[in-house]
Amino acid sequence: METKLTILYLPAEEGGFTASIVEVPGAISEGDTIEEAREMVLDALNELTLARRELAATAVQQGATVEYVSAVGFS
């Protein structure tokens, strides 16, 4: 089963679109078109994931156990 995320596109007052991934707080970006907003919010998701992974690595140094899993199979 493949995991799917929900991208919400809202028209911006100044033009273009604001895009957010509903299931991932903080994954927000914008673009002049929906296609550009999609690309930008997926880049934001990648950056957010990398930053949170670094936080997890810090927790490991403090004695926590961390497991990395594939998102495939979640729904």
N, C-alpha and C. Protein backbone atom coordinates (compact mmCIF):
# COMPACT_ATOMS: atom_id res chain seq x y z
N MET A 1 0.84 -1.17 0.00
CA MET A 1 0.00 0.00 0.00
C MET A 1 0.89 1.24 0.00
N GLU A 2 0.56 2.21 -0.78
CA GLU A 2 1.33 3.44 -0.91
C GLU A 2 0.76 4.54 -0.02
N THR A 3 1.65 5.26 0.64
CA THR A 3 1.21 6.39 1.45
C THR A 3 0.93 7.58 0.55
N LYS A 4 -0.16 8.24 0.78
CA LYS A 4 -0.48 9.44 0.03
C LYS A 4 -0.63 10.59 1.01
N LEU A 5 -0.13 11.74 0.62
CA LEU A 5 -0.26 12.94 1.42
C LEU A 5 -1.21 13.89 0.72
N THR A 6 -1.84 14.75 1.48
CA THR A 6 -2.82 15.70 0.96
C THR A 6 -2.17 17.08 0.87
N ILE A 7 -2.13 17.64 -0.35
CA ILE A 7 -1.64 19.01 -0.52
C ILE A 7 -2.84 19.92 -0.72
N LEU A 8 -2.92 20.94 0.10
CA LEU A 8 -4.01 21.93 0.03
C LEU A 8 -3.45 23.19 -0.63
N TYR A 9 -4.11 23.64 -1.70
CA TYR A 9 -3.69 24.85 -2.42
C TYR A 9 -4.71 25.95 -2.16
N LEU A 10 -4.24 27.06 -1.64
CA LEU A 10 -5.12 28.20 -1.40
C LEU A 10 -4.65 29.37 -2.26
N PRO A 11 -5.57 30.02 -2.96
CA PRO A 11 -5.17 31.21 -3.73
C PRO A 11 -4.64 32.28 -2.78
N ALA A 12 -3.52 32.90 -3.15
CA ALA A 12 -2.94 33.97 -2.35
C ALA A 12 -3.50 35.31 -2.83
N GLU A 13 -3.71 36.25 -1.91
CA GLU A 13 -4.26 37.56 -2.25
C GLU A 13 -3.42 38.28 -3.29
N GLU A 14 -2.10 38.13 -3.21
CA GLU A 14 -1.19 38.82 -4.13
C GLU A 14 -0.99 38.04 -5.43
N GLY A 15 -1.68 36.93 -5.58
CA GLY A 15 -1.54 36.08 -6.75
C GLY A 15 -0.79 34.81 -6.40
N GLY A 16 -0.92 33.82 -7.22
CA GLY A 16 -0.27 32.55 -6.97
C GLY A 16 -1.03 31.73 -5.94
N PHE A 17 -0.33 30.76 -5.36
CA PHE A 17 -0.96 29.82 -4.44
C PHE A 17 -0.06 29.54 -3.25
N THR A 18 -0.68 29.33 -2.10
CA THR A 18 0.01 28.82 -0.93
C THR A 18 -0.34 27.34 -0.85
N ALA A 19 0.67 26.50 -0.69
CA ALA A 19 0.47 25.06 -0.63
C ALA A 19 0.93 24.55 0.73
N SER A 20 0.16 23.64 1.31
CA SER A 20 0.55 23.02 2.56
C SER A 20 0.22 21.54 2.50
N ILE A 21 1.03 20.74 3.16
CA ILE A 21 0.76 19.31 3.27
C ILE A 21 0.04 19.13 4.59
N VAL A 22 -1.22 18.76 4.49
CA VAL A 22 -2.13 18.73 5.63
C VAL A 22 -1.61 17.84 6.76
N GLU A 23 -1.04 16.72 6.43
CA GLU A 23 -0.61 15.75 7.44
C GLU A 23 0.72 16.10 8.09
N VAL A 24 1.42 17.12 7.59
CA VAL A 24 2.77 17.45 8.08
C VAL A 24 2.82 18.91 8.50
N PRO A 25 2.64 19.19 9.79
CA PRO A 25 2.73 20.58 10.25
C PRO A 25 4.07 21.20 9.86
N GLY A 26 4.02 22.40 9.32
CA GLY A 26 5.23 23.10 8.93
C GLY A 26 5.60 22.94 7.48
N ALA A 27 4.98 22.00 6.77
CA ALA A 27 5.28 21.82 5.34
C ALA A 27 4.39 22.77 4.56
N ILE A 28 4.88 23.99 4.36
CA ILE A 28 4.12 25.06 3.71
C ILE A 28 5.05 25.79 2.75
N SER A 29 4.54 26.16 1.60
CA SER A 29 5.31 26.96 0.66
C SER A 29 4.35 27.67 -0.28
N GLU A 30 4.88 28.32 -1.29
CA GLU A 30 4.03 29.04 -2.24
C GLU A 30 4.66 29.04 -3.61
N GLY A 31 3.84 29.35 -4.62
CA GLY A 31 4.33 29.43 -5.98
C GLY A 31 3.36 30.22 -6.83
N ASP A 32 3.82 30.64 -7.99
CA ASP A 32 2.98 31.41 -8.90
C ASP A 32 1.88 30.57 -9.53
N THR A 33 2.14 29.27 -9.70
CA THR A 33 1.15 28.33 -10.26
C THR A 33 1.00 27.16 -9.30
N ILE A 34 -0.02 26.36 -9.51
CA ILE A 34 -0.20 25.17 -8.67
C ILE A 34 1.00 24.24 -8.85
N GLU A 35 1.47 24.10 -10.08
CA GLU A 35 2.61 23.21 -10.33
C GLU A 35 3.86 23.69 -9.57
N GLU A 36 4.11 24.99 -9.60
CA GLU A 36 5.26 25.53 -8.88
C GLU A 36 5.06 25.40 -7.37
N ALA A 37 3.86 25.65 -6.89
CA ALA A 37 3.57 25.51 -5.46
C ALA A 37 3.76 24.06 -5.02
N ARG A 38 3.35 23.09 -5.86
CA ARG A 38 3.54 21.66 -5.55
C ARG A 38 5.03 21.35 -5.41
N GLU A 39 5.82 21.81 -6.37
CA GLU A 39 7.26 21.56 -6.34
C GLU A 39 7.89 22.17 -5.08
N MET A 40 7.49 23.39 -4.77
CA MET A 40 8.06 24.09 -3.62
C MET A 40 7.67 23.43 -2.30
N VAL A 41 6.41 22.99 -2.17
CA VAL A 41 5.99 22.38 -0.90
C VAL A 41 6.62 21.00 -0.73
N LEU A 42 6.86 20.29 -1.83
CA LEU A 42 7.56 19.00 -1.72
C LEU A 42 9.02 19.22 -1.33
N ASP A 43 9.63 20.29 -1.83
CA ASP A 43 10.97 20.65 -1.37
C ASP A 43 10.96 20.99 0.12
N ALA A 44 9.94 21.73 0.55
CA ALA A 44 9.81 22.08 1.97
C ALA A 44 9.66 20.82 2.82
N LEU A 45 8.89 19.85 2.34
CA LEU A 45 8.73 18.58 3.05
C LEU A 45 10.07 17.88 3.20
N ASN A 46 10.86 17.86 2.14
CA ASN A 46 12.18 17.23 2.19
C ASN A 46 13.08 17.93 3.21
N GLU A 47 13.12 19.25 3.18
CA GLU A 47 13.95 20.01 4.11
C GLU A 47 13.49 19.82 5.56
N LEU A 48 12.19 19.80 5.75
CA LEU A 48 11.63 19.60 7.09
C LEU A 48 11.98 18.21 7.62
N THR A 49 11.90 17.21 6.75
CA THR A 49 12.24 15.85 7.14
C THR A 49 13.72 15.75 7.53
N LEU A 50 14.59 16.37 6.74
CA LEU A 50 16.02 16.35 7.06
C LEU A 50 16.30 17.04 8.40
N ALA A 51 15.65 18.17 8.63
CA ALA A 51 15.86 18.90 9.89
C ALA A 51 15.37 18.08 11.08
N ARG A 52 14.24 17.43 10.93
CA ARG A 52 13.70 16.63 12.05
C ARG A 52 14.55 15.38 12.27
N ARG A 53 15.14 14.84 11.20
CA ARG A 53 16.03 13.69 11.34
C ARG A 53 17.27 14.10 12.13
N GLU A 54 17.77 15.31 11.89
CA GLU A 54 18.92 15.80 12.66
C GLU A 54 18.56 15.93 14.14
N LEU A 55 17.34 16.38 14.42
CA LEU A 55 16.89 16.45 15.82
C LEU A 55 16.87 15.06 16.46
N ALA A 56 16.43 14.07 15.69
CA ALA A 56 16.41 12.70 16.20
C ALA A 56 17.82 12.22 16.49
N ALA A 57 18.78 12.57 15.65
CA ALA A 57 20.17 12.18 15.88
C ALA A 57 20.68 12.78 17.18
N THR A 58 20.28 13.99 17.48
CA THR A 58 20.66 14.62 18.74
C THR A 58 20.07 13.85 19.92
N ALA A 59 18.84 13.38 19.77
CA ALA A 59 18.19 12.60 20.84
C ALA A 59 18.94 11.30 21.08
N VAL A 60 19.47 10.69 20.02
CA VAL A 60 20.23 9.45 20.17
C VAL A 60 21.45 9.69 21.05
N GLN A 61 22.08 10.82 20.88
CA GLN A 61 23.25 11.14 21.69
C GLN A 61 22.86 11.25 23.17
N GLN A 62 21.60 11.48 23.44
CA GLN A 62 21.13 11.60 24.82
C GLN A 62 20.56 10.28 25.34
N GLY A 63 20.77 9.19 24.58
CA GLY A 63 20.36 7.87 25.06
C GLY A 63 19.08 7.33 24.47
N ALA A 64 18.43 8.05 23.59
CA ALA A 64 17.19 7.56 22.97
C ALA A 64 17.50 6.53 21.90
N THR A 65 16.53 5.70 21.60
CA THR A 65 16.63 4.75 20.50
C THR A 65 15.79 5.27 19.35
N VAL A 66 16.36 5.26 18.15
CA VAL A 66 15.65 5.76 16.98
C VAL A 66 15.54 4.65 15.95
N GLU A 67 14.39 4.55 15.31
CA GLU A 67 14.18 3.58 14.24
C GLU A 67 13.76 4.34 12.99
N TYR A 68 14.34 4.00 11.85
CA TYR A 68 13.95 4.58 10.57
C TYR A 68 13.10 3.56 9.83
N VAL A 69 11.92 3.97 9.39
CA VAL A 69 11.01 3.08 8.68
C VAL A 69 10.59 3.72 7.38
N SER A 70 10.17 2.88 6.45
CA SER A 70 9.66 3.36 5.17
C SER A 70 8.21 3.76 5.34
N ALA A 71 7.80 4.80 4.64
CA ALA A 71 6.40 5.24 4.71
C ALA A 71 5.48 4.31 3.93
N VAL A 72 6.03 3.41 3.09
CA VAL A 72 5.22 2.49 2.31
C VAL A 72 4.50 1.56 3.27
N GLY A 73 3.23 1.38 3.08
CA GLY A 73 2.44 0.49 3.91
C GLY A 73 1.57 1.23 4.91
N PHE A 74 1.77 2.53 5.08
CA PHE A 74 0.93 3.32 5.95
C PHE A 74 -0.21 3.90 5.13
N SER A 75 -1.31 4.12 5.76
CA SER A 75 -2.41 4.79 5.04
C SER A 75 -3.13 5.76 5.95
